[in-house]
């Protein structure tokens, strides 16, 4: 996929934080760090959308006997099977 060059401004405090993450060896560049943050945000939003869709479906189908913890674990297990988590 072709790369698009972007320019962002951040505070000095945030720049120092990013610099620490790079210095620690977790990331090689600022860009690598930002790309990782965006990918994690995408994954989190996919998970939230999936859970919302399941909750809406469950709400429309009536009452169930599962606890919210059991439901969450079931949703996550389905997502793992589908390669979404």
Protein backbone atom coordinates (compact mmCIF):
# COMPACT_ATOMS: atom_id res chain seq x y z
CA UNK A 1 0.00 0.00 0.00
CA UNK A 2 1.43 3.41 -0.88
CA UNK A 3 2.44 5.67 1.99
CA UNK A 4 0.98 9.15 2.47
CA UNK A 5 3.11 11.77 4.15
CA UNK A 6 1.36 13.63 7.01
CA UNK A 7 2.53 16.35 9.35
CA UNK A 8 1.20 16.64 12.90
CA UNK A 9 1.93 19.00 15.76
CA UNK A 10 2.14 17.74 19.33
CA UNK A 11 3.06 19.29 22.64
CA UNK A 12 6.61 19.13 23.93
CA UNK A 13 5.45 16.80 26.70
CA UNK A 14 3.97 14.36 24.20
CA UNK A 15 7.09 14.60 22.05
CA UNK A 16 9.22 13.67 25.06
CA UNK A 17 6.96 10.71 25.78
CA UNK A 18 7.21 9.47 22.20
CA UNK A 19 10.96 9.94 22.37
CA UNK A 20 11.11 7.78 25.49
CA UNK A 21 9.17 5.01 23.74
CA UNK A 22 11.62 5.13 20.84
CA UNK A 23 14.67 5.29 23.13
CA UNK A 24 13.40 2.21 25.01
CA UNK A 25 13.49 0.25 21.76
CA UNK A 26 9.75 -0.35 21.58
CA UNK A 27 9.57 1.62 18.33
CA UNK A 28 12.16 2.64 15.77
CA UNK A 29 10.56 5.93 14.69
CA UNK A 30 7.79 8.36 15.53
CA UNK A 31 5.91 7.17 12.46
CA UNK A 32 6.07 3.54 13.56
CA UNK A 33 4.61 4.52 16.93
CA UNK A 34 1.77 6.53 15.37
CA UNK A 35 0.94 3.72 12.92
CA UNK A 36 0.78 1.24 15.82
CA UNK A 37 -1.56 3.55 17.75
CA UNK A 38 -3.84 3.85 14.73
CA UNK A 39 -3.90 0.07 14.18
CA UNK A 40 -4.76 -0.53 17.85
CA UNK A 41 -7.52 2.09 17.63
CA UNK A 42 -8.93 0.36 14.54
CA UNK A 43 -8.94 -3.00 16.31
CA UNK A 44 -10.62 -1.54 19.39
CA UNK A 45 -13.30 0.09 17.25
CA UNK A 46 -13.95 -3.20 15.40
CA UNK A 47 -14.37 -4.95 18.75
CA UNK A 48 -16.72 -2.25 20.03
CA UNK A 49 -18.81 -2.38 16.84
CA UNK A 50 -19.02 -6.17 17.06
CA UNK A 51 -20.11 -6.11 20.70
CA UNK A 52 -22.67 -3.39 19.97
CA UNK A 53 -24.15 -5.43 17.14
CA UNK A 54 -24.39 -8.48 19.39
CA UNK A 55 -26.00 -6.44 22.16
CA UNK A 56 -28.56 -4.98 19.76
CA UNK A 57 -29.34 -8.45 18.42
CA UNK A 58 -29.69 -9.81 21.95
CA UNK A 59 -31.89 -6.90 22.99
CA UNK A 60 -34.20 -7.52 20.04
CA UNK A 61 -34.43 -11.25 20.76
CA UNK A 62 -35.57 -10.90 24.37
CA UNK A 63 -34.16 -11.93 27.73
CA UNK A 64 -31.35 -14.44 28.32
CA UNK A 65 -29.92 -16.14 31.38
CA UNK A 66 -26.26 -15.31 30.70
CA UNK A 67 -24.35 -12.89 32.89
CA UNK A 68 -22.65 -9.94 31.23
CA UNK A 69 -19.28 -11.59 31.89
CA UNK A 70 -20.42 -14.79 30.15
CA UNK A 71 -21.74 -12.78 27.21
CA UNK A 72 -18.49 -10.83 26.86
CA UNK A 73 -16.44 -14.01 26.93
CA UNK A 74 -18.71 -15.59 24.30
CA UNK A 75 -18.37 -12.52 22.06
CA UNK A 76 -14.59 -12.52 22.40
CA UNK A 77 -14.41 -16.26 21.68
CA UNK A 78 -16.43 -15.75 18.47
CA UNK A 79 -14.16 -12.90 17.45
CA UNK A 80 -11.07 -15.06 18.03
CA UNK A 81 -12.52 -17.84 15.89
CA UNK A 82 -13.32 -15.33 13.13
CA UNK A 83 -9.84 -13.80 13.35
CA UNK A 84 -11.26 -10.46 14.47
CA UNK A 85 -9.52 -10.43 17.85
